[in-house]
């Protein structure tokens, strides 16, 4: 799944650590989401969407790999 987390985080001027603190996850988790190595749980995806004030589907973009 592709995400716009890095783009949105940088637009806010937040570091990965700062976003992690807001979401109560580690900086490493934010890095893994941004690099596509980890897909967040649904509750975490909702927290990310609330942090940026955007709908989930505008942040996380499904890529069909078939």
N, C-alpha and C. Protein backbone atom coordinates (compact mmCIF):
# COMPACT_ATOMS: atom_id res chain seq x y z
N UNK A 1 0.85 -1.17 0.00
CA UNK A 1 0.00 0.00 0.00
C UNK A 1 0.90 1.24 0.00
N UNK A 2 0.56 2.16 -0.83
CA UNK A 2 1.29 3.42 -0.90
C UNK A 2 0.66 4.41 0.08
N UNK A 3 1.50 5.26 0.66
CA UNK A 3 0.94 6.25 1.58
C UNK A 3 1.52 7.63 1.32
N UNK A 4 0.78 8.63 1.77
CA UNK A 4 1.20 10.03 1.66
C UNK A 4 1.68 10.56 3.01
N UNK A 5 2.00 9.66 3.93
CA UNK A 5 2.37 10.08 5.28
C UNK A 5 3.58 11.01 5.26
N UNK A 6 4.62 10.65 4.54
CA UNK A 6 5.82 11.51 4.50
C UNK A 6 5.47 12.90 3.98
N UNK A 7 4.76 12.95 2.87
CA UNK A 7 4.37 14.23 2.26
C UNK A 7 3.58 15.09 3.25
N UNK A 8 2.60 14.49 3.91
CA UNK A 8 1.77 15.24 4.85
C UNK A 8 2.55 15.66 6.09
N UNK A 9 3.41 14.75 6.57
CA UNK A 9 4.22 15.06 7.75
C UNK A 9 5.16 16.23 7.47
N UNK A 10 5.82 16.19 6.33
CA UNK A 10 6.76 17.27 5.97
C UNK A 10 6.02 18.59 5.77
N UNK A 11 4.80 18.54 5.23
CA UNK A 11 4.01 19.76 5.04
C UNK A 11 3.68 20.41 6.39
N UNK A 12 3.55 19.59 7.43
CA UNK A 12 3.27 20.10 8.78
C UNK A 12 4.55 20.57 9.48
N UNK A 13 5.71 20.19 8.92
CA UNK A 13 6.97 20.54 9.56
C UNK A 13 7.31 19.65 10.74
N UNK A 14 6.73 18.45 10.77
CA UNK A 14 6.97 17.51 11.87
C UNK A 14 8.08 16.53 11.50
N UNK A 15 8.88 16.16 12.47
CA UNK A 15 9.85 15.09 12.29
C UNK A 15 9.12 13.75 12.44
N UNK A 16 9.79 12.67 12.06
CA UNK A 16 9.20 11.35 12.27
C UNK A 16 8.96 11.12 13.76
N UNK A 17 9.90 11.55 14.59
CA UNK A 17 9.75 11.38 16.04
C UNK A 17 8.55 12.16 16.57
N UNK A 18 8.36 13.37 16.08
CA UNK A 18 7.23 14.18 16.54
C UNK A 18 5.90 13.54 16.16
N UNK A 19 5.80 13.04 14.94
CA UNK A 19 4.57 12.37 14.52
C UNK A 19 4.37 11.11 15.35
N UNK A 20 5.45 10.37 15.57
CA UNK A 20 5.36 9.17 16.40
C UNK A 20 4.83 9.47 17.79
N UNK A 21 5.31 10.56 18.39
CA UNK A 21 4.82 10.97 19.71
C UNK A 21 3.33 11.27 19.67
N UNK A 22 2.89 11.99 18.65
CA UNK A 22 1.47 12.32 18.51
C UNK A 22 0.61 11.07 18.40
N UNK A 23 1.15 10.06 17.73
CA UNK A 23 0.39 8.84 17.47
C UNK A 23 0.66 7.73 18.48
N UNK A 24 1.59 7.98 19.39
CA UNK A 24 1.98 7.01 20.42
C UNK A 24 2.58 5.75 19.80
N UNK A 25 3.44 5.96 18.80
CA UNK A 25 4.22 4.88 18.19
C UNK A 25 5.66 5.37 18.07
N UNK A 26 6.56 4.47 17.73
CA UNK A 26 7.97 4.84 17.62
C UNK A 26 8.27 5.56 16.31
N UNK A 27 9.39 6.25 16.29
CA UNK A 27 9.87 6.87 15.06
C UNK A 27 10.10 5.80 14.00
N UNK A 28 10.56 4.62 14.43
CA UNK A 28 10.82 3.53 13.50
C UNK A 28 9.54 3.06 12.82
N UNK A 29 8.42 3.09 13.55
CA UNK A 29 7.13 2.72 12.95
C UNK A 29 6.76 3.72 11.87
N UNK A 30 6.95 5.00 12.15
CA UNK A 30 6.65 6.04 11.15
C UNK A 30 7.52 5.84 9.92
N UNK A 31 8.80 5.58 10.14
CA UNK A 31 9.72 5.35 9.02
C UNK A 31 9.27 4.15 8.19
N UNK A 32 8.87 3.07 8.85
CA UNK A 32 8.44 1.86 8.13
C UNK A 32 7.17 2.12 7.32
N UNK A 33 6.25 2.91 7.86
CA UNK A 33 5.03 3.26 7.11
C UNK A 33 5.40 4.10 5.90
N UNK A 34 6.27 5.09 6.10
CA UNK A 34 6.66 5.98 5.00
C UNK A 34 7.41 5.26 3.89
N UNK A 35 8.18 4.24 4.24
CA UNK A 35 8.96 3.52 3.22
C UNK A 35 8.22 2.32 2.65
N UNK A 36 6.99 2.10 3.10
CA UNK A 36 6.18 1.01 2.58
C UNK A 36 6.53 -0.36 3.12
N UNK A 37 7.30 -0.42 4.21
CA UNK A 37 7.69 -1.69 4.80
C UNK A 37 6.68 -2.19 5.82
N UNK A 38 5.72 -1.34 6.18
CA UNK A 38 4.74 -1.69 7.19
C UNK A 38 3.42 -1.00 6.87
N UNK A 39 2.35 -1.77 6.88
CA UNK A 39 1.01 -1.22 6.72
C UNK A 39 0.41 -1.08 8.12
N UNK A 40 -0.05 0.11 8.48
CA UNK A 40 -0.57 0.31 9.83
C UNK A 40 -1.87 -0.46 10.06
N UNK A 41 -2.12 -0.78 11.33
CA UNK A 41 -3.40 -1.37 11.70
C UNK A 41 -4.50 -0.35 11.40
N UNK A 42 -5.73 -0.81 11.36
CA UNK A 42 -6.84 0.10 11.10
C UNK A 42 -6.96 1.18 12.17
N UNK A 43 -6.84 0.83 13.47
CA UNK A 43 -6.89 1.90 14.48
C UNK A 43 -5.78 2.94 14.30
N UNK A 44 -4.57 2.50 13.96
CA UNK A 44 -3.47 3.43 13.74
C UNK A 44 -3.74 4.28 12.49
N UNK A 45 -4.27 3.68 11.46
CA UNK A 45 -4.60 4.43 10.24
C UNK A 45 -5.62 5.54 10.55
N UNK A 46 -6.60 5.23 11.40
CA UNK A 46 -7.57 6.26 11.80
C UNK A 46 -6.89 7.37 12.59
N UNK A 47 -5.96 7.03 13.48
CA UNK A 47 -5.24 8.06 14.25
C UNK A 47 -4.40 8.94 13.32
N UNK A 48 -3.77 8.33 12.34
CA UNK A 48 -2.98 9.09 11.36
C UNK A 48 -3.89 10.05 10.61
N UNK A 49 -5.03 9.55 10.15
CA UNK A 49 -5.97 10.40 9.41
C UNK A 49 -6.44 11.57 10.26
N UNK A 50 -6.75 11.32 11.53
CA UNK A 50 -7.17 12.41 12.42
C UNK A 50 -6.05 13.42 12.63
N UNK A 51 -4.81 12.94 12.76
CA UNK A 51 -3.67 13.85 12.99
C UNK A 51 -3.52 14.83 11.83
N UNK A 52 -3.82 14.37 10.62
CA UNK A 52 -3.68 15.23 9.45
C UNK A 52 -4.98 15.86 9.01
N UNK A 53 -6.09 15.47 9.62
CA UNK A 53 -7.39 16.03 9.24
C UNK A 53 -7.81 15.64 7.84
N UNK A 54 -7.46 14.42 7.45
CA UNK A 54 -7.77 13.93 6.10
C UNK A 54 -8.44 12.57 6.20
N UNK A 55 -9.25 12.20 5.21
CA UNK A 55 -9.83 10.85 5.22
C UNK A 55 -8.75 9.80 4.96
N UNK A 56 -8.93 8.64 5.54
CA UNK A 56 -7.95 7.55 5.38
C UNK A 56 -7.64 7.30 3.91
N UNK A 57 -8.68 7.26 3.07
CA UNK A 57 -8.46 6.90 1.67
C UNK A 57 -7.68 7.95 0.89
N UNK A 58 -7.51 9.15 1.45
CA UNK A 58 -6.67 10.13 0.77
C UNK A 58 -5.21 10.04 1.24
N UNK A 59 -4.97 9.27 2.30
CA UNK A 59 -3.61 9.09 2.83
C UNK A 59 -3.03 7.76 2.38
N UNK A 60 -3.84 6.71 2.44
CA UNK A 60 -3.38 5.37 2.08
C UNK A 60 -4.04 4.96 0.77
N UNK A 61 -3.20 4.69 -0.22
CA UNK A 61 -3.67 4.41 -1.57
C UNK A 61 -3.40 2.94 -1.90
N UNK A 62 -4.47 2.21 -2.15
CA UNK A 62 -4.34 0.78 -2.46
C UNK A 62 -3.74 0.61 -3.83
N UNK A 63 -2.75 -0.28 -3.90
CA UNK A 63 -2.14 -0.60 -5.19
C UNK A 63 -2.41 -2.06 -5.49
N UNK A 64 -3.14 -2.34 -6.55
CA UNK A 64 -3.42 -3.72 -6.94
C UNK A 64 -2.17 -4.29 -7.59
N UNK A 65 -1.63 -5.34 -7.00
CA UNK A 65 -0.38 -5.92 -7.50
C UNK A 65 -0.62 -7.19 -8.31
N UNK A 66 -1.83 -7.38 -8.80
CA UNK A 66 -2.12 -8.59 -9.59
C UNK A 66 -1.69 -8.43 -11.04
